[in-house]
Amino acid sequence: MNSKRFIVGSTFLAVLLILLFYKISAIQVSYSDHHFYLKDKTFEIGWIHSVEKEPWFEKYELRNDDLYLVETRFKTFGAGTPSTGEIIPSNDGFVHMRMNRKMEAIHLVVSENIKTTLYTEQSNIPLYKLTEKYGAITIESKKLPLWRLLEVMTSDRFKEAE
């Protein structure tokens, strides 16, 4: 009987330690004094280019603990377009470029003028509505203890800003 208690107690303790100390990467979006986490491991950021006045999109992916700019697509070459990257053939009116560039963080200045929006499988999040005009938003990979990630995923704070 004591050996069964010991096994159950040891198993419980092992699970508790894993929940307390094992860390998992998540994508955190921070603005002003607020933040939320994305459920997906991939997302896109889209905006209207300030000079070209055409839509521009960048696709990002969380790989292990790092964010990567995977692809960018835009209507025409012009101010601010990438000088490196592999062009991907397409027929949708956009120039697609494979980037595969590791990013420490993504720092954005957003405004209603350029309609900066974050796209996930679950929702479209107009970032320019989360902060004041020309407000700053940071998107980065954060390592969270497993228990914290589980708490965040099940709370209202995990809901992506709507």
N, C-alpha and C. Protein backbone atom coordinates (compact mmCIF):
# COMPACT_ATOMS: atom_id res chain seq x y z
N MET A 1 0.82 -1.19 0.00
CA MET A 1 0.00 0.00 0.00
C MET A 1 0.87 1.26 0.00
N ASN A 2 1.93 1.25 0.81
CA ASN A 2 2.83 2.41 0.85
C ASN A 2 3.53 2.63 -0.47
N SER A 3 3.85 1.54 -1.18
CA SER A 3 4.54 1.70 -2.46
C SER A 3 3.61 2.34 -3.49
N LYS A 4 2.30 2.05 -3.44
CA LYS A 4 1.36 2.69 -4.36
C LYS A 4 1.26 4.18 -4.06
N ARG A 5 1.21 4.54 -2.78
CA ARG A 5 1.17 5.96 -2.38
C ARG A 5 2.43 6.67 -2.84
N PHE A 6 3.55 5.99 -2.68
CA PHE A 6 4.83 6.58 -3.10
C PHE A 6 4.83 6.83 -4.60
N ILE A 7 4.36 5.86 -5.38
CA ILE A 7 4.32 5.99 -6.84
C ILE A 7 3.38 7.13 -7.24
N VAL A 8 2.19 7.17 -6.64
CA VAL A 8 1.22 8.23 -6.95
C VAL A 8 1.79 9.60 -6.54
N GLY A 9 2.37 9.67 -5.36
CA GLY A 9 2.95 10.93 -4.89
C GLY A 9 4.12 11.38 -5.75
N SER A 10 4.97 10.45 -6.13
CA SER A 10 6.12 10.78 -6.98
C SER A 10 5.66 11.24 -8.36
N THR A 11 4.65 10.57 -8.89
CA THR A 11 4.11 10.96 -10.20
C THR A 11 3.52 12.36 -10.13
N PHE A 12 2.75 12.62 -9.07
CA PHE A 12 2.16 13.95 -8.89
C PHE A 12 3.25 15.01 -8.78
N LEU A 13 4.28 14.74 -8.01
CA LEU A 13 5.37 15.67 -7.84
C LEU A 13 6.10 15.92 -9.17
N ALA A 14 6.32 14.88 -9.96
CA ALA A 14 6.99 15.01 -11.25
C ALA A 14 6.16 15.89 -12.20
N VAL A 15 4.85 15.66 -12.23
CA VAL A 15 3.96 16.46 -13.09
C VAL A 15 3.97 17.91 -12.62
N LEU A 16 3.93 18.12 -11.33
CA LEU A 16 3.95 19.47 -10.77
C LEU A 16 5.25 20.19 -11.15
N LEU A 17 6.37 19.51 -11.03
CA LEU A 17 7.66 20.12 -11.38
C LEU A 17 7.73 20.46 -12.87
N ILE A 18 7.19 19.58 -13.71
CA ILE A 18 7.16 19.87 -15.15
C ILE A 18 6.33 21.12 -15.41
N LEU A 19 5.16 21.20 -14.79
CA LEU A 19 4.30 22.37 -14.99
C LEU A 19 4.97 23.66 -14.50
N LEU A 20 5.74 23.56 -13.41
CA LEU A 20 6.38 24.75 -12.85
C LEU A 20 7.61 25.21 -13.62
N PHE A 21 8.38 24.28 -14.14
CA PHE A 21 9.68 24.66 -14.68
C PHE A 21 9.86 24.46 -16.18
N TYR A 22 9.09 23.60 -16.81
CA TYR A 22 9.25 23.38 -18.25
C TYR A 22 8.69 24.59 -18.99
N LYS A 23 9.47 25.16 -19.89
CA LYS A 23 9.05 26.38 -20.60
C LYS A 23 8.80 26.10 -22.07
N ILE A 24 7.78 26.79 -22.59
CA ILE A 24 7.39 26.67 -23.99
C ILE A 24 7.33 28.06 -24.60
N SER A 25 7.76 28.17 -25.85
CA SER A 25 7.74 29.46 -26.54
C SER A 25 6.34 29.79 -27.02
N ALA A 26 6.00 31.07 -26.91
CA ALA A 26 4.73 31.58 -27.40
C ALA A 26 4.99 32.94 -28.04
N ILE A 27 4.09 33.36 -28.92
CA ILE A 27 4.22 34.67 -29.57
C ILE A 27 3.45 35.68 -28.76
N GLN A 28 4.19 36.69 -28.26
CA GLN A 28 3.58 37.74 -27.45
C GLN A 28 3.49 39.02 -28.27
N VAL A 29 2.31 39.64 -28.21
CA VAL A 29 2.07 40.94 -28.85
C VAL A 29 1.92 41.95 -27.72
N SER A 30 2.80 42.97 -27.68
CA SER A 30 2.79 43.97 -26.60
C SER A 30 2.51 45.35 -27.15
N TYR A 31 1.72 46.12 -26.42
CA TYR A 31 1.41 47.50 -26.79
C TYR A 31 1.00 48.24 -25.53
N SER A 32 1.38 49.50 -25.44
CA SER A 32 1.10 50.31 -24.25
C SER A 32 1.48 49.49 -23.03
N ASP A 33 0.55 49.28 -22.12
CA ASP A 33 0.81 48.46 -20.92
C ASP A 33 0.10 47.12 -21.02
N HIS A 34 -0.18 46.65 -22.22
CA HIS A 34 -0.95 45.43 -22.42
C HIS A 34 -0.17 44.43 -23.27
N HIS A 35 -0.61 43.19 -23.21
CA HIS A 35 -0.07 42.17 -24.11
C HIS A 35 -1.06 41.01 -24.20
N PHE A 36 -0.89 40.24 -25.27
CA PHE A 36 -1.65 39.01 -25.42
C PHE A 36 -0.78 38.03 -26.20
N TYR A 37 -1.20 36.77 -26.22
CA TYR A 37 -0.44 35.72 -26.88
C TYR A 37 -1.25 35.14 -28.03
N LEU A 38 -0.56 34.76 -29.09
CA LEU A 38 -1.22 34.13 -30.23
C LEU A 38 -1.30 32.63 -30.02
N LYS A 39 -2.38 32.05 -30.47
CA LYS A 39 -2.54 30.60 -30.40
C LYS A 39 -1.74 29.91 -31.49
N ASP A 40 -1.64 30.56 -32.64
CA ASP A 40 -0.97 29.97 -33.80
C ASP A 40 0.54 30.15 -33.74
N LYS A 41 1.23 29.32 -34.46
CA LYS A 41 2.69 29.43 -34.59
C LYS A 41 3.06 30.24 -35.83
N THR A 42 2.07 30.58 -36.66
CA THR A 42 2.30 31.43 -37.83
C THR A 42 1.29 32.57 -37.82
N PHE A 43 1.67 33.68 -38.42
CA PHE A 43 0.78 34.83 -38.54
C PHE A 43 1.29 35.72 -39.67
N GLU A 44 0.44 36.62 -40.10
CA GLU A 44 0.83 37.61 -41.11
C GLU A 44 0.56 39.00 -40.57
N ILE A 45 1.37 39.93 -41.03
CA ILE A 45 1.13 41.35 -40.76
C ILE A 45 0.91 41.99 -42.12
N GLY A 46 -0.15 42.76 -42.24
CA GLY A 46 -0.44 43.46 -43.49
C GLY A 46 -0.64 44.94 -43.24
N TRP A 47 -0.33 45.74 -44.23
CA TRP A 47 -0.51 47.19 -44.13
C TRP A 47 -0.54 47.78 -45.54
N ILE A 48 -0.87 49.05 -45.62
CA ILE A 48 -0.83 49.78 -46.88
C ILE A 48 0.49 50.56 -46.89
N HIS A 49 1.32 50.31 -47.91
CA HIS A 49 2.62 50.96 -48.02
C HIS A 49 2.43 52.48 -48.11
N SER A 50 3.19 53.22 -47.32
CA SER A 50 3.00 54.67 -47.21
C SER A 50 3.35 55.43 -48.49
N VAL A 51 4.24 54.91 -49.30
CA VAL A 51 4.63 55.59 -50.54
C VAL A 51 3.87 55.01 -51.73
N GLU A 52 3.91 53.69 -51.87
CA GLU A 52 3.30 53.03 -53.03
C GLU A 52 1.77 53.00 -52.94
N LYS A 53 1.22 53.12 -51.71
CA LYS A 53 -0.23 53.05 -51.46
C LYS A 53 -0.82 51.72 -51.93
N GLU A 54 -0.05 50.65 -51.79
CA GLU A 54 -0.47 49.31 -52.17
C GLU A 54 -0.34 48.40 -50.94
N PRO A 55 -1.12 47.32 -50.88
CA PRO A 55 -1.01 46.39 -49.73
C PRO A 55 0.31 45.64 -49.73
N TRP A 56 0.79 45.37 -48.53
CA TRP A 56 2.03 44.64 -48.31
C TRP A 56 1.77 43.66 -47.19
N PHE A 57 2.29 42.44 -47.31
CA PHE A 57 2.09 41.42 -46.29
C PHE A 57 3.41 40.74 -45.98
N GLU A 58 3.59 40.40 -44.70
CA GLU A 58 4.74 39.62 -44.28
C GLU A 58 4.24 38.44 -43.45
N LYS A 59 4.74 37.26 -43.77
CA LYS A 59 4.36 36.05 -43.05
C LYS A 59 5.48 35.67 -42.10
N TYR A 60 5.13 35.39 -40.85
CA TYR A 60 6.08 35.02 -39.81
C TYR A 60 5.75 33.65 -39.25
N GLU A 61 6.77 33.01 -38.69
CA GLU A 61 6.61 31.67 -38.14
C GLU A 61 7.46 31.54 -36.89
N LEU A 62 6.91 30.89 -35.87
CA LEU A 62 7.67 30.57 -34.66
C LEU A 62 8.27 29.19 -34.85
N ARG A 63 9.59 29.12 -34.87
CA ARG A 63 10.30 27.84 -34.99
C ARG A 63 11.12 27.67 -33.72
N ASN A 64 10.83 26.61 -33.01
CA ASN A 64 11.46 26.38 -31.71
C ASN A 64 11.26 27.62 -30.86
N ASP A 65 12.29 28.39 -30.61
CA ASP A 65 12.16 29.57 -29.75
C ASP A 65 12.29 30.88 -30.53
N ASP A 66 12.40 30.81 -31.84
CA ASP A 66 12.73 32.00 -32.63
C ASP A 66 11.65 32.35 -33.65
N LEU A 67 11.49 33.65 -33.87
CA LEU A 67 10.59 34.13 -34.90
C LEU A 67 11.35 34.26 -36.22
N TYR A 68 10.72 33.88 -37.31
CA TYR A 68 11.32 33.99 -38.63
C TYR A 68 10.36 34.72 -39.56
N LEU A 69 10.89 35.66 -40.33
CA LEU A 69 10.17 36.24 -41.45
C LEU A 69 10.31 35.23 -42.57
N VAL A 70 9.21 34.59 -42.95
CA VAL A 70 9.22 33.48 -43.89
C VAL A 70 9.05 33.98 -45.33
N GLU A 71 8.10 34.89 -45.51
CA GLU A 71 7.77 35.36 -46.85
C GLU A 71 7.25 36.79 -46.78
N THR A 72 7.46 37.53 -47.83
CA THR A 72 6.87 38.85 -47.97
C THR A 72 6.23 38.93 -49.34
N ARG A 73 5.15 39.68 -49.43
CA ARG A 73 4.53 39.88 -50.74
C ARG A 73 4.02 41.30 -50.85
N PHE A 74 4.22 41.87 -52.02
CA PHE A 74 3.87 43.26 -52.26
C PHE A 74 3.53 43.41 -53.73
N LYS A 75 2.95 44.54 -54.10
CA LYS A 75 2.47 44.75 -55.47
C LYS A 75 3.59 45.14 -56.44
N THR A 76 4.46 46.05 -56.05
CA THR A 76 5.49 46.53 -56.97
C THR A 76 6.79 46.77 -56.23
N PHE A 77 7.89 46.66 -56.95
CA PHE A 77 9.17 47.04 -56.38
C PHE A 77 9.20 48.55 -56.25
N GLY A 78 9.69 49.04 -55.13
CA GLY A 78 9.76 50.48 -54.90
C GLY A 78 10.43 50.74 -53.56
N ALA A 79 10.07 51.84 -52.94
CA ALA A 79 10.68 52.25 -51.68
C ALA A 79 10.50 51.18 -50.62
N GLY A 80 11.61 50.72 -50.03
CA GLY A 80 11.57 49.80 -48.91
C GLY A 80 11.43 48.34 -49.27
N THR A 81 11.40 47.99 -50.55
CA THR A 81 11.27 46.58 -50.90
C THR A 81 12.59 45.86 -50.63
N PRO A 82 12.52 44.58 -50.33
CA PRO A 82 13.74 43.84 -49.98
C PRO A 82 14.72 43.74 -51.15
N SER A 83 15.99 43.75 -50.81
CA SER A 83 17.03 43.60 -51.84
C SER A 83 17.55 42.17 -51.89
N THR A 84 17.15 41.35 -50.94
CA THR A 84 17.54 39.94 -50.93
C THR A 84 16.29 39.10 -50.78
N GLY A 85 16.41 37.84 -51.11
CA GLY A 85 15.29 36.92 -51.01
C GLY A 85 15.05 36.28 -52.36
N GLU A 86 14.44 35.11 -52.32
CA GLU A 86 14.17 34.36 -53.54
C GLU A 86 12.75 34.66 -54.01
N ILE A 87 12.60 35.07 -55.25
CA ILE A 87 11.28 35.36 -55.79
C ILE A 87 10.55 34.04 -56.04
N ILE A 88 9.31 33.98 -55.56
CA ILE A 88 8.47 32.80 -55.70
C ILE A 88 7.44 33.11 -56.80
N PRO A 89 7.37 32.28 -57.85
CA PRO A 89 6.40 32.54 -58.91
C PRO A 89 4.96 32.55 -58.38
N SER A 90 4.14 33.49 -58.88
CA SER A 90 2.74 33.57 -58.47
C SER A 90 1.94 34.25 -59.57
N ASN A 91 0.64 34.06 -59.51
CA ASN A 91 -0.27 34.67 -60.48
C ASN A 91 -1.33 35.52 -59.81
N ASP A 92 -1.07 36.01 -58.60
CA ASP A 92 -2.09 36.75 -57.86
C ASP A 92 -1.89 38.26 -57.89
N GLY A 93 -0.95 38.75 -58.71
CA GLY A 93 -0.71 40.18 -58.81
C GLY A 93 0.28 40.70 -57.78
N PHE A 94 0.82 39.82 -56.96
CA PHE A 94 1.81 40.21 -55.95
C PHE A 94 3.16 39.63 -56.31
N VAL A 95 4.21 40.32 -55.91
CA VAL A 95 5.56 39.78 -55.96
C VAL A 95 5.75 39.05 -54.64
N HIS A 96 6.03 37.75 -54.69
CA HIS A 96 6.25 36.94 -53.49
C HIS A 96 7.75 36.69 -53.37
N MET A 97 8.28 36.88 -52.15
CA MET A 97 9.69 36.60 -51.91
C MET A 97 9.84 35.74 -50.67
N ARG A 98 10.59 34.65 -50.81
CA ARG A 98 10.93 33.79 -49.67
C ARG A 98 12.09 34.47 -48.94
N MET A 99 11.95 34.66 -47.65
CA MET A 99 12.95 35.41 -46.89
C MET A 99 13.76 34.53 -45.94
N ASN A 100 13.08 33.76 -45.08
CA ASN A 100 13.74 32.91 -44.09
C ASN A 100 14.76 33.69 -43.25
N ARG A 101 14.31 34.80 -42.68
CA ARG A 101 15.17 35.69 -41.89
C ARG A 101 14.78 35.63 -40.41
N LYS A 102 15.74 35.26 -39.56
CA LYS A 102 15.50 35.21 -38.12
C LYS A 102 15.33 36.63 -37.59
N MET A 103 14.32 36.81 -36.74
CA MET A 103 14.00 38.12 -36.17
C MET A 103 14.08 38.04 -34.64
N GLU A 104 14.79 38.95 -34.03
CA GLU A 104 14.81 39.01 -32.57
C GLU A 104 13.45 39.44 -32.05
N ALA A 105 12.88 40.44 -32.71
CA ALA A 105 11.55 40.95 -32.38
C ALA A 105 11.07 41.76 -33.58
N ILE A 106 9.78 41.99 -33.63
CA ILE A 106 9.19 42.82 -34.67
C ILE A 106 8.68 44.08 -33.99
N HIS A 107 9.21 45.21 -34.38
CA HIS A 107 8.81 46.49 -33.81
C HIS A 107 8.03 47.26 -34.86
N LEU A 108 6.80 47.59 -34.54
CA LEU A 108 5.93 48.27 -35.49
C LEU A 108 5.47 49.61 -34.93
N VAL A 109 5.34 50.59 -35.80
CA VAL A 109 4.64 51.82 -35.49
C VAL A 109 3.38 51.77 -36.34
N VAL A 110 2.23 51.81 -35.71
CA VAL A 110 0.98 51.58 -36.41
C VAL A 110 0.13 52.84 -36.46
N SER A 111 -0.71 52.90 -37.49
CA SER A 111 -1.66 54.01 -37.57
C SER A 111 -2.83 53.59 -38.43
N GLU A 112 -3.92 54.30 -38.27
CA GLU A 112 -5.11 54.03 -39.07
C GLU A 112 -4.84 54.32 -40.55
N ASN A 113 -3.91 55.22 -40.82
CA ASN A 113 -3.58 55.58 -42.21
C ASN A 113 -3.12 54.38 -43.02
N ILE A 114 -2.36 53.49 -42.39
CA ILE A 114 -1.81 52.35 -43.14
C ILE A 114 -2.48 51.03 -42.77
N LYS A 115 -3.44 51.09 -41.83
CA LYS A 115 -4.28 49.93 -41.50
C LYS A 115 -3.48 48.68 -41.12
N THR A 116 -2.47 48.83 -40.28
CA THR A 116 -1.65 47.68 -39.87
C THR A 116 -2.53 46.64 -39.17
N THR A 117 -2.54 45.42 -39.74
CA THR A 117 -3.41 44.35 -39.24
C THR A 117 -2.62 43.07 -39.08
N LEU A 118 -2.91 42.34 -38.01
CA LEU A 118 -2.30 41.04 -37.76
C LEU A 118 -3.33 39.97 -38.12
N TYR A 119 -2.93 39.03 -38.97
CA TYR A 119 -3.83 37.98 -39.44
C TYR A 119 -3.39 36.63 -38.86
N THR A 120 -4.35 35.93 -38.23
CA THR A 120 -4.11 34.57 -37.76
C THR A 120 -5.20 33.68 -38.35
N GLU A 121 -5.10 32.39 -38.09
CA GLU A 121 -6.16 31.49 -38.56
C GLU A 121 -7.49 31.80 -37.89
N GLN A 122 -7.46 32.27 -36.65
CA GLN A 122 -8.69 32.54 -35.90
C GLN A 122 -9.29 33.91 -36.17
N SER A 123 -8.44 34.91 -36.43
CA SER A 123 -8.99 36.26 -36.51
C SER A 123 -8.06 37.23 -37.24
N ASN A 124 -8.64 38.38 -37.55
CA ASN A 124 -7.88 39.52 -38.06
C ASN A 124 -7.89 40.57 -36.96
N ILE A 125 -6.71 41.02 -36.57
CA ILE A 125 -6.59 41.95 -35.44
C ILE A 125 -6.07 43.28 -35.96
N PRO A 126 -6.92 44.31 -36.01
CA PRO A 126 -6.46 45.62 -36.46
C PRO A 126 -5.57 46.25 -35.38
N LEU A 127 -4.27 46.12 -35.54
CA LEU A 127 -3.33 46.59 -34.52
C LEU A 127 -3.45 48.10 -34.28
N TYR A 128 -3.80 48.84 -35.31
CA TYR A 128 -3.90 50.30 -35.19
C TYR A 128 -5.05 50.71 -34.27
N LYS A 129 -5.96 49.80 -33.96
CA LYS A 129 -7.05 50.11 -33.04
C LYS A 129 -6.69 49.82 -31.58
N LEU A 130 -5.54 49.19 -31.36
CA LEU A 130 -5.13 48.84 -30.00
C LEU A 130 -4.36 49.94 -29.29
N THR A 131 -3.89 50.89 -30.04
CA THR A 131 -3.02 51.91 -29.45
C THR A 131 -3.33 53.26 -30.08
N GLU A 132 -2.74 54.30 -29.55
CA GLU A 132 -2.95 55.63 -30.09
C GLU A 132 -2.29 55.74 -31.48
N LYS A 133 -2.61 56.80 -32.20
CA LYS A 133 -2.04 57.02 -33.53
C LYS A 133 -0.52 57.02 -33.44
N TYR A 134 0.11 56.28 -34.31
CA TYR A 134 1.57 56.10 -34.36
C TYR A 134 2.09 55.44 -33.07
N GLY A 135 1.28 54.58 -32.50
CA GLY A 135 1.69 53.83 -31.31
C GLY A 135 2.62 52.68 -31.68
N ALA A 136 3.37 52.23 -30.70
CA ALA A 136 4.35 51.16 -30.91
C ALA A 136 3.78 49.82 -30.48
N ILE A 137 4.07 48.80 -31.28
CA ILE A 137 3.68 47.43 -30.96
C ILE A 137 4.91 46.56 -31.17
N THR A 138 5.13 45.63 -30.25
CA THR A 138 6.24 44.68 -30.36
C THR A 138 5.69 43.27 -30.38
N ILE A 139 6.19 42.48 -31.32
CA ILE A 139 5.83 41.07 -31.40
C ILE A 139 7.11 40.27 -31.24
N GLU A 140 7.10 39.34 -30.28
CA GLU A 140 8.33 38.59 -30.01
C GLU A 140 8.00 37.23 -29.42
N SER A 141 8.99 36.37 -29.45
CA SER A 141 8.88 35.05 -28.84
C SER A 141 9.21 35.19 -27.35
N LYS A 142 8.36 34.61 -26.53
CA LYS A 142 8.58 34.60 -25.08
C LYS A 142 8.49 33.17 -24.59
N LYS A 143 9.38 32.83 -23.67
CA LYS A 143 9.33 31.49 -23.06
C LYS A 143 8.51 31.59 -21.78
N LEU A 144 7.44 30.81 -21.75
CA LEU A 144 6.56 30.80 -20.60
C LEU A 144 6.59 29.43 -19.94
N PRO A 145 6.53 29.40 -18.60
CA PRO A 145 6.38 28.10 -17.94
C PRO A 145 5.09 27.45 -18.44
N LEU A 146 5.09 26.15 -18.55
CA LEU A 146 3.95 25.42 -19.08
C LEU A 146 2.67 25.77 -18.33
N TRP A 147 2.73 25.92 -17.01
CA TRP A 147 1.54 26.24 -16.24
C TRP A 147 1.00 27.60 -16.63
N ARG A 148 1.89 28.55 -16.91
CA ARG A 148 1.47 29.91 -17.28
C ARG A 148 0.82 29.90 -18.66
N LEU A 149 1.40 29.15 -19.58
CA LEU A 149 0.84 29.06 -20.92
C LEU A 149 -0.55 28.42 -20.87
N LEU A 150 -0.71 27.37 -20.07
CA LEU A 150 -2.02 26.74 -19.92
C LEU A 150 -3.03 27.72 -19.32
N GLU A 151 -2.58 28.51 -18.34
CA GLU A 151 -3.46 29.50 -17.72
C GLU A 151 -3.87 30.56 -18.74
N VAL A 152 -2.92 31.06 -19.51
CA VAL A 152 -3.19 32.10 -20.49
C VAL A 152 -4.11 31.57 -21.59
N MET A 153 -3.88 30.34 -22.03
CA MET A 153 -4.67 29.77 -23.12
C MET A 153 -6.13 29.59 -22.72
N THR A 154 -6.41 29.41 -21.46
CA THR A 154 -7.78 29.17 -21.03
C THR A 154 -8.45 30.42 -20.46
N SER A 155 -7.73 31.52 -20.38
CA SER A 155 -8.32 32.74 -19.82
C SER A 155 -8.80 33.66 -20.93
N ASP A 156 -9.58 34.65 -20.54
CA ASP A 156 -10.06 35.67 -21.49
C ASP A 156 -8.90 36.48 -22.06
N ARG A 157 -7.81 36.58 -21.30
CA ARG A 157 -6.67 37.36 -21.77
C ARG A 157 -6.02 36.73 -23.00
N PHE A 158 -6.29 35.46 -23.24
CA PHE A 158 -5.71 34.80 -24.42
C PHE A 158 -6.50 35.14 -25.67
N LYS A 159 -7.74 35.58 -25.49
CA LYS A 159 -8.53 35.94 -26.65
C LYS A 159 -7.78 37.03 -27.42
N GLU A 160 -7.68 36.82 -28.68
CA GLU A 160 -6.97 37.81 -29.48
C GLU A 160 -7.83 39.06 -29.58
N ALA A 161 -7.19 40.20 -29.48
CA ALA A 161 -7.88 41.47 -29.45
C ALA A 161 -8.85 41.58 -30.61
N GLU A 162 -10.05 42.00 -30.32
CA GLU A 162 -11.06 42.11 -31.38
C GLU A 162 -11.56 43.53 -31.47
